[in-house]
C-alpha atoms as a PDB file:
ATOM      1  CA  MET A   1     241.169 149.167  20.048  1.00  0.00           C
ATOM      2  CA  ARG A   2     237.600 148.083  20.700  1.00  0.00           C
ATOM      3  CA  LEU A   3     236.894 146.515  24.088  1.00  0.00           C
ATOM      4  CA  ALA A   4     233.662 144.619  24.594  1.00  0.00           C
ATOM      5  CA  ALA A   5     231.935 142.864  27.477  1.00  0.00           C
ATOM      6  CA  PHE A   6     230.038 139.752  26.450  1.00  0.00           C
ATOM      7  CA  THR A   7     228.536 136.485  27.572  1.00  0.00           C
ATOM      8  CA  ALA A   8     229.454 133.210  25.886  1.00  0.00           C
ATOM      9  CA  ASP A   9     228.982 129.625  27.054  1.00  0.00           C
ATOM     10  CA  GLY A  10     227.222 130.965  30.136  1.00  0.00           C
ATOM     11  CA  HIS A  11     230.241 132.964  31.302  1.00  0.00           C
ATOM     12  CA  SER A  12     231.154 136.654  31.349  1.00  0.00           C
ATOM     13  CA  HIS A  13     234.111 137.754  29.257  1.00  0.00           C
ATOM     14  CA  VAL A  14     235.928 140.889  28.176  1.00  0.00           C
ATOM     15  CA  GLY A  15     237.523 140.884  24.766  1.00  0.00           C
ATOM     16  CA  LEU A  16     239.132 142.709  21.877  1.00  0.00           C
ATOM     17  CA  VAL A  17     236.904 143.245  18.861  1.00  0.00           C
ATOM     18  CA  ASP A  18     238.634 143.033  15.496  1.00  0.00           C
ATOM     19  CA  PRO A  19     238.570 146.176  13.293  1.00  0.00           C
ATOM     20  CA  THR A  20     235.766 144.759  11.144  1.00  0.00           C
ATOM     21  CA  GLY A  21     233.550 144.188  14.180  1.00  0.00           C
ATOM     22  CA  HIS A  22     233.020 140.532  13.268  1.00  0.00           C
ATOM     23  CA  THR A  23     235.034 138.633  15.896  1.00  0.00           C
ATOM     24  CA  ILE A  24     235.986 139.012  19.551  1.00  0.00           C
ATOM     25  CA  THR A  25     239.105 137.563  21.156  1.00  0.00           C
ATOM     26  CA  ALA A  26     238.658 136.957  24.879  1.00  0.00           C
ATOM     27  CA  LEU A  27     241.221 138.498  27.210  1.00  0.00           C
ATOM     28  CA  ASP A  28     242.600 136.761  30.264  1.00  0.00           C
ATOM     29  CA  VAL A  29     240.222 138.399  32.754  1.00  0.00           C
ATOM     30  CA  PRO A  30     238.881 136.343  35.695  1.00  0.00           C
ATOM     31  CA  GLY A  31     235.125 135.808  35.677  1.00  0.00           C
ATOM     32  CA  ALA A  32     234.524 137.840  38.832  1.00  0.00           C
ATOM     33  CA  GLN A  33     236.218 140.837  37.216  1.00  0.00           C
ATOM     34  CA  ALA A  34     234.635 140.236  33.815  1.00  0.00           C
ATOM     35  CA  ALA A  35     231.217 140.754  35.403  1.00  0.00           C
ATOM     36  CA  TYR A  36     232.182 144.431  35.616  1.00  0.00           C
ATOM     37  CA  GLY A  37     232.978 144.568  31.917  1.00  0.00           C
ATOM     38  CA  VAL A  38     235.783 146.831  30.772  1.00  0.00           C
ATOM     39  CA  LEU A  39     235.952 148.726  34.082  1.00  0.00           C
ATOM     40  CA  PRO A  40     238.716 146.601  35.708  1.00  0.00           C
ATOM     41  CA  ILE A  41     240.855 147.004  32.580  1.00  0.00           C
ATOM     42  CA  ILE A  42     240.406 150.784  32.556  1.00  0.00           C
ATOM     43  CA  GLN A  43     241.353 150.939  36.221  1.00  0.00           C
ATOM     44  CA  ALA A  44     244.367 148.668  35.768  1.00  0.00           C
ATOM     45  CA  LEU A  45     245.673 150.642  32.779  1.00  0.00           C
ATOM     46  CA  ALA A  46     245.293 153.854  34.800  1.00  0.00           C
ATOM     47  CA  GLU A  47     247.586 152.281  37.399  1.00  0.00           C
ATOM     48  CA  GLY A  48     250.210 151.537  34.764  1.00  0.00           C
ATOM     49  CA  LYS A  49     249.454 147.836  34.512  1.00  0.00           C
ATOM     50  CA  PRO A  50     249.494 146.117  31.104  1.00  0.00           C
ATOM     51  CA  LEU A  51     246.465 145.067  29.094  1.00  0.00           C
ATOM     52  CA  PRO A  52     245.510 141.473  29.989  1.00  0.00           C
ATOM     53  CA  ALA A  53     246.881 138.913  27.569  1.00  0.00           C
ATOM     54  CA  ALA A  54     244.715 137.645  24.747  1.00  0.00           C
ATOM     55  CA  THR A  55     243.547 134.052  25.039  1.00  0.00           C
ATOM     56  CA  GLU A  56     243.045 131.570  22.209  1.00  0.00           C
ATOM     57  CA  ARG A  57     239.270 131.853  22.548  1.00  0.00           C
ATOM     58  CA  ARG A  58     237.780 133.698  19.605  1.00  0.00           C
ATOM     59  CA  PHE A  59     234.071 134.192  19.001  1.00  0.00           C
ATOM     60  CA  HIS A  60     231.931 135.511  16.194  1.00  0.00           C
ATOM     61  CA  VAL A  61     230.059 138.568  17.408  1.00  0.00           C
ATOM     62  CA  GLU A  62     226.718 137.143  16.244  1.00  0.00           C
ATOM     63  CA  ASP A  63     227.296 134.059  18.403  1.00  0.00           C
ATOM     64  CA  VAL A  64     227.651 135.908  21.709  1.00  0.00           C
ATOM     65  CA  GLN A  65     225.506 138.192  23.830  1.00  0.00           C
ATOM     66  CA  LEU A  66     227.022 141.645  23.865  1.00  0.00           C
ATOM     67  CA  ASN A  67     226.643 143.295  27.251  1.00  0.00           C
ATOM     68  CA  ALA A  68     227.048 146.946  28.139  1.00  0.00           C
ATOM     69  CA  PRO A  69     230.804 147.578  28.171  1.00  0.00           C
ATOM     70  CA  LEU A  70     230.305 149.001  31.673  1.00  0.00           C
ATOM     71  CA  PRO A  71     227.378 146.901  32.948  1.00  0.00           C
ATOM     72  CA  ARG A  72     227.935 148.078  36.524  1.00  0.00           C
ATOM     73  CA  PRO A  73     229.294 151.627  36.358  1.00  0.00           C
ATOM     74  CA  ARG A  74     231.206 152.590  39.491  1.00  0.00           C
ATOM     75  CA  ARG A  75     228.711 155.405  40.152  1.00  0.00           C
ATOM     76  CA  ASN A  76     226.031 157.540  38.518  1.00  0.00           C
ATOM     77  CA  ILE A  77     226.480 158.435  34.868  1.00  0.00           C
ATOM     78  CA  TRP A  78     227.121 162.130  34.265  1.00  0.00           C
ATOM     79  CA  CYS A  79     224.754 163.521  31.629  1.00  0.00           C
ATOM     80  CA  VAL A  80     224.477 166.818  29.795  1.00  0.00           C
ATOM     81  CA  GLY A  81     221.198 168.384  28.713  1.00  0.00           C
ATOM     82  CA  ARG A  82     220.489 170.535  25.657  1.00  0.00           C
ATOM     83  CA  ASN A  83     224.020 170.407  24.319  1.00  0.00           C
ATOM     84  CA  TYR A  84     223.401 170.673  20.569  1.00  0.00           C
ATOM     85  CA  HIS A  85     222.353 174.021  19.125  1.00  0.00           C
ATOM     86  CA  ALA A  86     219.433 172.613  17.098  1.00  0.00           C
ATOM     87  CA  HIS A  87     218.188 170.503  20.013  1.00  0.00           C
ATOM     88  CA  ALA A  88     218.206 173.508  22.350  1.00  0.00           C
ATOM     89  CA  LYS A  89     216.212 175.385  19.732  1.00  0.00           C
ATOM     90  CA  GLU A  90     213.629 172.625  19.257  1.00  0.00           C
ATOM     91  CA  LEU A  91     212.954 172.602  23.016  1.00  0.00           C
ATOM     92  CA  SER A  92     212.839 176.400  23.287  1.00  0.00           C
ATOM     93  CA  ALA A  93     209.105 176.292  22.607  1.00  0.00           C
ATOM     94  CA  SER A  94     208.497 173.474  25.097  1.00  0.00           C
ATOM     95  CA  VAL A  95     208.050 173.454  28.853  1.00  0.00           C
ATOM     96  CA  PHE A  96     211.820 173.931  29.121  1.00  0.00           C
ATOM     97  CA  LYS A  97     211.714 177.397  27.581  1.00  0.00           C
ATOM     98  CA  ASP A  98     211.945 179.111  30.963  1.00  0.00           C
ATOM     99  CA  ASN A  99     214.556 176.855  32.549  1.00  0.00           C
ATOM    100  CA  ASP A 100     217.224 179.520  32.331  1.00  0.00           C
ATOM    101  CA  ALA A 101     217.746 182.890  30.719  1.00  0.00           C
ATOM    102  CA  ASN A 102     220.928 181.901  28.869  1.00  0.00           C
ATOM    103  CA  PRO A 103     221.154 178.184  28.039  1.00  0.00           C
ATOM    104  CA  GLU A 104     224.644 178.663  26.607  1.00  0.00           C
ATOM    105  CA  ALA A 105     226.165 180.123  29.781  1.00  0.00           C
ATOM    106  CA  TRP A 106     226.804 176.817  31.591  1.00  0.00           C
ATOM    107  CA  PRO A 107     226.145 173.160  30.745  1.00  0.00           C
ATOM    108  CA  ILE A 108     223.079 171.538  32.261  1.00  0.00           C
ATOM    109  CA  VAL A 109     224.409 168.517  34.172  1.00  0.00           C
ATOM    110  CA  PHE A 110     222.365 165.732  35.768  1.00  0.00           C
ATOM    111  CA  THR A 111     222.892 162.024  36.422  1.00  0.00           C
ATOM    112  CA  LYS A 112     221.368 158.628  35.770  1.00  0.00           C
ATOM    113  CA  VAL A 113     221.687 155.859  38.350  1.00  0.00           C
ATOM    114  CA  PRO A 114     224.101 153.069  37.331  1.00  0.00           C
ATOM    115  CA  GLU A 115     221.430 150.392  37.765  1.00  0.00           C
ATOM    116  CA  CYS A 116     219.546 151.651  34.690  1.00  0.00           C
ATOM    117  CA  VAL A 117     222.312 150.470  32.325  1.00  0.00           C
ATOM    118  CA  VAL A 118     221.476 147.588  29.977  1.00  0.00           C
ATOM    119  CA  GLY A 119     223.184 146.072  26.964  1.00  0.00           C
ATOM    120  CA  PRO A 120     223.270 147.284  23.368  1.00  0.00           C
ATOM    121  CA  HIS A 121     220.526 144.899  22.258  1.00  0.00           C
ATOM    122  CA  ASP A 122     218.589 144.397  25.494  1.00  0.00           C
ATOM    123  CA  ALA A 123     214.909 145.248  25.819  1.00  0.00           C
ATOM    124  CA  VAL A 124     213.876 148.550  27.356  1.00  0.00           C
ATOM    125  CA  HIS A 125     210.800 148.336  29.570  1.00  0.00           C
ATOM    126  CA  VAL A 126     208.118 150.961  29.069  1.00  0.00           C
ATOM    127  CA  PRO A 127     206.787 151.901  32.549  1.00  0.00           C
ATOM    128  CA  SER A 128     203.255 152.545  31.275  1.00  0.00           C
ATOM    129  CA  GLU A 129     201.885 152.593  34.818  1.00  0.00           C
ATOM    130  CA  VAL A 130     204.105 155.597  35.596  1.00  0.00           C
ATOM    131  CA  SER A 131     204.655 157.479  32.333  1.00  0.00           C
ATOM    132  CA  GLU A 132     202.977 158.061  28.976  1.00  0.00           C
ATOM    133  CA  GLN A 133     205.776 160.148  27.466  1.00  0.00           C
ATOM    134  CA  ILE A 134     208.811 157.923  26.921  1.00  0.00           C
ATOM    135  CA  ASP A 135     211.443 159.563  24.726  1.00  0.00           C
ATOM    136  CA  TYR A 136     214.764 158.588  23.146  1.00  0.00           C
ATOM    137  CA  GLU A 137     218.028 160.546  23.184  1.00  0.00           C
ATOM    138  CA  ALA A 138     220.931 159.285  21.086  1.00  0.00           C
ATOM    139  CA  GLU A 139     224.244 160.246  22.648  1.00  0.00           C
ATOM    140  CA  LEU A 140     227.985 159.819  22.372  1.00  0.00           C
ATOM    141  CA  ALA A 141     229.415 158.969  25.782  1.00  0.00           C
ATOM    142  CA  VAL A 142     232.925 159.705  27.025  1.00  0.00           C
ATOM    143  CA  VAL A 143     234.682 157.144  29.222  1.00  0.00           C
ATOM    144  CA  ILE A 144     237.295 158.601  31.556  1.00  0.00           C
ATOM    145  CA  GLY A 145     240.650 156.803  31.645  1.00  0.00           C
ATOM    146  CA  LYS A 146     242.818 159.092  33.746  1.00  0.00           C
ATOM    147  CA  GLY A 147     241.203 160.506  36.861  1.00  0.00           C
ATOM    148  CA  GLY A 148     241.581 164.002  38.177  1.00  0.00           C
ATOM    149  CA  LYS A 149     240.005 167.070  39.711  1.00  0.00           C
ATOM    150  CA  ASN A 150     239.881 170.619  38.351  1.00  0.00           C
ATOM    151  CA  ILE A 151     241.017 169.333  34.966  1.00  0.00           C
ATOM    152  CA  ALA A 152     241.908 172.155  32.596  1.00  0.00           C
ATOM    153  CA  LYS A 153     240.128 172.244  29.256  1.00  0.00           C
ATOM    154  CA  THR A 154     243.475 172.180  27.460  1.00  0.00           C
ATOM    155  CA  ALA A 155     244.408 168.899  29.160  1.00  0.00           C
ATOM    156  CA  ALA A 156     240.953 167.292  29.190  1.00  0.00           C
ATOM    157  CA  LEU A 157     241.264 164.979  26.179  1.00  0.00           C
ATOM    158  CA  ALA A 158     244.316 163.326  27.769  1.00  0.00           C
ATOM    159  CA  HIS A 159     241.914 162.045  30.445  1.00  0.00           C
ATOM    160  CA  VAL A 160     239.651 160.257  27.936  1.00  0.00           C
ATOM    161  CA  PHE A 161     239.992 156.493  27.678  1.00  0.00           C
ATOM    162  CA  GLY A 162     237.477 156.102  24.887  1.00  0.00           C
ATOM    163  CA  TYR A 163     233.901 156.395  23.722  1.00  0.00           C
ATOM    164  CA  THR A 164     230.695 154.411  23.655  1.00  0.00           C
ATOM    165  CA  ILE A 165     227.017 154.974  22.809  1.00  0.00           C
ATOM    166  CA  VAL A 166     224.121 155.491  25.194  1.00  0.00           C
ATOM    167  CA  ASN A 167     220.412 156.061  24.737  1.00  0.00           C
ATOM    168  CA  ASP A 168     219.408 158.516  27.462  1.00  0.00           C
ATOM    169  CA  VAL A 169     215.835 157.221  27.626  1.00  0.00           C
ATOM    170  CA  THR A 170     213.591 159.736  29.376  1.00  0.00           C
ATOM    171  CA  ALA A 171     210.102 159.829  30.872  1.00  0.00           C
ATOM    172  CA  ARG A 172     209.250 163.412  29.917  1.00  0.00           C
ATOM    173  CA  ASP A 173     206.170 163.749  32.108  1.00  0.00           C
ATOM    174  CA  VAL A 174     208.087 162.483  35.152  1.00  0.00           C
ATOM    175  CA  GLN A 175     210.983 164.770  34.279  1.00  0.00           C
ATOM    176  CA  MET A 176     208.628 167.765  34.297  1.00  0.00           C
ATOM    177  CA  ARG A 177     206.629 166.632  37.308  1.00  0.00           C
ATOM    178  CA  HIS A 178     209.640 166.632  39.624  1.00  0.00           C
ATOM    179  CA  GLN A 179     211.220 169.863  38.332  1.00  0.00           C
ATOM    180  CA  GLN A 180     214.552 168.067  38.012  1.00  0.00           C
ATOM    181  CA  TRP A 181     215.723 165.337  35.719  1.00  0.00           C
ATOM    182  CA  ASP A 182     217.222 162.430  37.635  1.00  0.00           C
ATOM    183  CA  MET A 183     214.018 160.491  38.339  1.00  0.00           C
ATOM    184  CA  GLY A 184     212.623 160.753  34.826  1.00  0.00           C
ATOM    185  CA  LYS A 185     215.972 159.561  33.460  1.00  0.00           C
ATOM    186  CA  SER A 186     216.700 156.680  35.824  1.00  0.00           C
ATOM    187  CA  PHE A 187     213.967 154.074  35.415  1.00  0.00           C
ATOM    188  CA  ASP A 188     215.167 150.492  35.131  1.00  0.00           C
ATOM    189  CA  THR A 189     216.609 149.756  31.640  1.00  0.00           C
ATOM    190  CA  PHE A 190     216.660 153.479  30.715  1.00  0.00           C
ATOM    191  CA  CYS A 191     220.332 153.507  29.643  1.00  0.00           C
ATOM    192  CA  PRO A 192     221.173 151.096  26.824  1.00  0.00           C
ATOM    193  CA  MET A 193     224.943 151.221  26.305  1.00  0.00           C
ATOM    194  CA  GLY A 194     227.413 149.770  23.816  1.00  0.00           C
ATOM    195  CA  PRO A 195     228.179 148.022  21.637  1.00  0.00           C
ATOM    196  CA  TRP A 196     231.729 148.398  23.013  1.00  0.00           C
ATOM    197  CA  ILE A 197     234.274 151.067  23.939  1.00  0.00           C
ATOM    198  CA  VAL A 198     236.482 152.436  21.171  1.00  0.00           C
ATOM    199  CA  THR A 199     239.655 153.917  22.591  1.00  0.00           C
ATOM    200  CA  ALA A 200     240.523 157.561  22.029  1.00  0.00           C
ATOM    201  CA  ASP A 201     243.491 156.744  19.809  1.00  0.00           C
ATOM    202  CA  GLU A 202     241.065 155.323  17.227  1.00  0.00           C
ATOM    203  CA  LEU A 203     238.127 157.724  17.508  1.00  0.00           C
ATOM    204  CA  ASP A 204     238.042 161.496  17.813  1.00  0.00           C
ATOM    205  CA  GLY A 205     234.819 162.110  19.689  1.00  0.00           C
ATOM    206  CA  THR A 206     234.966 165.804  18.857  1.00  0.00           C
ATOM    207  CA  ARG A 207     234.600 164.956  15.153  1.00  0.00           C
ATOM    208  CA  THR A 208     232.057 162.210  14.635  1.00  0.00           C
ATOM    209  CA  ARG A 209     228.332 161.926  13.952  1.00  0.00           C
ATOM    210  CA  VAL A 210     225.355 160.700  16.011  1.00  0.00           C
ATOM    211  CA  ARG A 211     222.277 159.292  14.289  1.00  0.00           C
ATOM    212  CA  CYS A 212     219.067 157.682  15.541  1.00  0.00           C
ATOM    213  CA  TRP A 213     216.265 155.759  13.848  1.00  0.00           C
ATOM    214  CA  VAL A 214     212.868 154.887  15.347  1.00  0.00           C
ATOM    215  CA  ASN A 215     211.237 151.938  13.586  1.00  0.00           C
ATOM    216  CA  GLY A 216     213.521 152.589  10.621  1.00  0.00           C
ATOM    217  CA  GLU A 217     212.718 156.317  10.370  1.00  0.00           C
ATOM    218  CA  LEU A 218     215.716 158.625  10.734  1.00  0.00           C
ATOM    219  CA  ARG A 219     214.906 161.025  13.574  1.00  0.00           C
ATOM    220  CA  GLN A 220     218.284 162.403  14.709  1.00  0.00           C
ATOM    221  CA  ASP A 221     221.433 163.236  12.753  1.00  0.00           C
ATOM    222  CA  GLY A 222     224.014 165.574  14.232  1.00  0.00           C
ATOM    223  CA  PRO A 223     227.796 166.030  14.083  1.00  0.00           C
ATOM    224  CA  THR A 224     229.504 166.376  17.442  1.00  0.00           C
ATOM    225  CA  GLU A 225     231.086 169.587  16.157  1.00  0.00           C
ATOM    226  CA  ASN A 226     227.625 171.115  16.711  1.00  0.00           C
ATOM    227  CA  MET A 227     227.809 170.709  20.479  1.00  0.00           C
ATOM    228  CA  ILE A 228     227.279 173.917  22.435  1.00  0.00           C
ATOM    229  CA  PHE A 229     229.826 172.756  25.025  1.00  0.00           C
ATOM    230  CA  ASP A 230     232.538 170.579  23.523  1.00  0.00           C
ATOM    231  CA  ILE A 231     233.977 167.510  25.239  1.00  0.00           C
ATOM    232  CA  PRO A 232     236.978 169.292  26.825  1.00  0.00           C
ATOM    233  CA  THR A 233     234.633 171.928  28.274  1.00  0.00           C
ATOM    234  CA  LEU A 234     232.360 169.254  29.719  1.00  0.00           C
ATOM    235  CA  ILE A 235     235.268 167.473  31.399  1.00  0.00           C
ATOM    236  CA  GLU A 236     236.594 170.745  32.780  1.00  0.00           C
ATOM    237  CA  THR A 237     233.163 171.728  34.105  1.00  0.00           C
ATOM    238  CA  ILE A 238     232.233 168.406  35.710  1.00  0.00           C
ATOM    239  CA  SER A 239     235.651 168.033  37.356  1.00  0.00           C
ATOM    240  CA  ARG A 240     235.499 171.417  39.072  1.00  0.00           C
ATOM    241  CA  GLY A 241     235.743 170.472  42.733  1.00  0.00           C
ATOM    242  CA  ILE A 242     234.704 166.900  41.899  1.00  0.00           C
ATOM    243  CA  THR A 243     237.189 164.103  41.310  1.00  0.00           C
ATOM    244  CA  LEU A 244     236.614 162.096  38.150  1.00  0.00           C
ATOM    245  CA  TYR A 245     237.729 158.466  38.309  1.00  0.00           C
ATOM    246  CA  PRO A 246     238.805 155.928  35.681  1.00  0.00           C
ATOM    247  CA  GLY A 247     235.639 154.393  34.283  1.00  0.00           C
ATOM    248  CA  ASP A 248     233.410 157.419  34.870  1.00  0.00           C
ATOM    249  CA  VAL A 249     230.986 158.032  32.011  1.00  0.00           C
ATOM    250  CA  ILE A 250     229.846 161.383  30.616  1.00  0.00           C
ATOM    251  CA  ALA A 251     226.914 161.325  28.165  1.00  0.00           C
ATOM    252  CA  THR A 252     227.463 164.395  26.039  1.00  0.00           C
ATOM    253  CA  GLY A 253     223.926 165.361  24.998  1.00  0.00           C
ATOM    254  CA  THR A 254     221.614 164.576  22.109  1.00  0.00           C
ATOM    255  CA  PRO A 255     221.054 166.140  18.669  1.00  0.00           C
ATOM    256  CA  ALA A 256     217.743 167.578  17.487  1.00  0.00           C
ATOM    257  CA  GLY A 257     214.904 165.215  16.612  1.00  0.00           C
ATOM    258  CA  VAL A 258     213.746 163.843  19.961  1.00  0.00           C
ATOM    259  CA  GLY A 259     210.113 162.819  20.201  1.00  0.00           C
ATOM    260  CA  MET A 260     209.231 165.727  22.457  1.00  0.00           C
ATOM    261  CA  GLY A 261     210.549 168.208  19.897  1.00  0.00           C
ATOM    262  CA  LEU A 262     208.386 166.954  17.030  1.00  0.00           C
ATOM    263  CA  LYS A 263     205.080 168.602  16.179  1.00  0.00           C
ATOM    264  CA  PRO A 264     203.016 166.959  17.443  1.00  0.00           C
ATOM    265  CA  PRO A 265     205.282 165.080  19.899  1.00  0.00           C
ATOM    266  CA  ARG A 266     205.819 161.401  19.091  1.00  0.00           C
ATOM    267  CA  TYR A 267     206.627 159.304  22.125  1.00  0.00           C
ATOM    268  CA  LEU A 268     207.733 155.692  22.234  1.00  0.00           C
ATOM    269  CA  ARG A 269     205.349 152.808  22.708  1.00  0.00           C
ATOM    270  CA  ALA A 270     205.794 149.107  23.395  1.00  0.00           C
ATOM    271  CA  GLY A 271     206.866 147.421  20.167  1.00  0.00           C
ATOM    272  CA  ASP A 272     209.016 150.329  18.942  1.00  0.00           C
ATOM    273  CA  THR A 273     212.671 149.796  18.047  1.00  0.00           C
ATOM    274  CA  VAL A 274     215.352 152.462  18.443  1.00  0.00           C
ATOM    275  CA  ARG A 275     218.678 152.204  16.636  1.00  0.00           C
ATOM    276  CA  ILE A 276     221.580 154.572  17.350  1.00  0.00           C
ATOM    277  CA  GLU A 277     224.800 154.776  15.347  1.00  0.00           C
ATOM    278  CA  VAL A 278     227.968 156.789  15.880  1.00  0.00           C
ATOM    279  CA  ASP A 279     230.385 156.977  12.965  1.00  0.00           C
ATOM    280  CA  ARG A 280     233.508 154.831  13.451  1.00  0.00           C
ATOM    281  CA  LEU A 281     232.129 153.473  16.710  1.00  0.00           C
ATOM    282  CA  GLY A 282     229.211 151.160  15.951  1.00  0.00           C
ATOM    283  CA  ALA A 283     225.530 150.839  16.732  1.00  0.00           C
ATOM    284  CA  ILE A 284     223.079 149.781  19.403  1.00  0.00           C
ATOM    285  CA  GLU A 285     219.486 148.715  18.776  1.00  0.00           C
ATOM    286  CA  ASN A 286     216.862 148.154  21.453  1.00  0.00           C
ATOM    287  CA  LYS A 287     213.234 147.103  21.381  1.00  0.00           C
ATOM    288  CA  PHE A 288     210.827 148.765  23.779  1.00  0.00           C
ATOM    289  CA  ILE A 289     208.472 146.307  25.459  1.00  0.00           C
END
């Protein structure tokens, strides 16, 4: 199923999107809970509670405002750096060339603050007073459904609730300036997410494709089979000594074609539009202002 968070008639809702992606049926979720998007449903299902009943309210997708499916994540978003072979190669000649001797030994893991999440069609603000090197990173994101600690790789996919899309927007100069990644990744609006969550029974995140266009130009196109560290490995690694909870998000890395990796680099400017699609999931599109 596809679960979306949206605003209609001035109120927050959570609903089921039909297989064509054209209509949304609101679920019986109180407004205070609906403000947290799909999160209360993920938590309730993890506790063995049933999916909220469908109401008689049905909307056309084009008539509502789609919000991030997790507009207020319970905590920082887990993110993985340089996780596609071609992307690691394109950055091998950049300032990241000396980050570690063997980039395929362990995943690079960092976080983005939850407050940077915005919706699938919301504007992204270019902090021109702080950075001149704003970059895009199209990513498939895993949403945890069953919590746990020290999760074995062989059992990891049983902990996945579903998948969504994120754009791991990055201020490259800030990222380099601080010698770590969190600050350059966490500016306000730097994590567009959506358009909804597709549950794991309908989408195999280990076998899909991530693509990204900037102003209509295809920049990124990579199958998730090309990840250096696959999804089960990422879940196993991040859960070592750290409890994962229902609703946690893991952004799994970006394919080759980021602005920094182009020659010469091509960074985003106000007025640019970035569209990201994941096969069998959907698309998000955000204008940078």
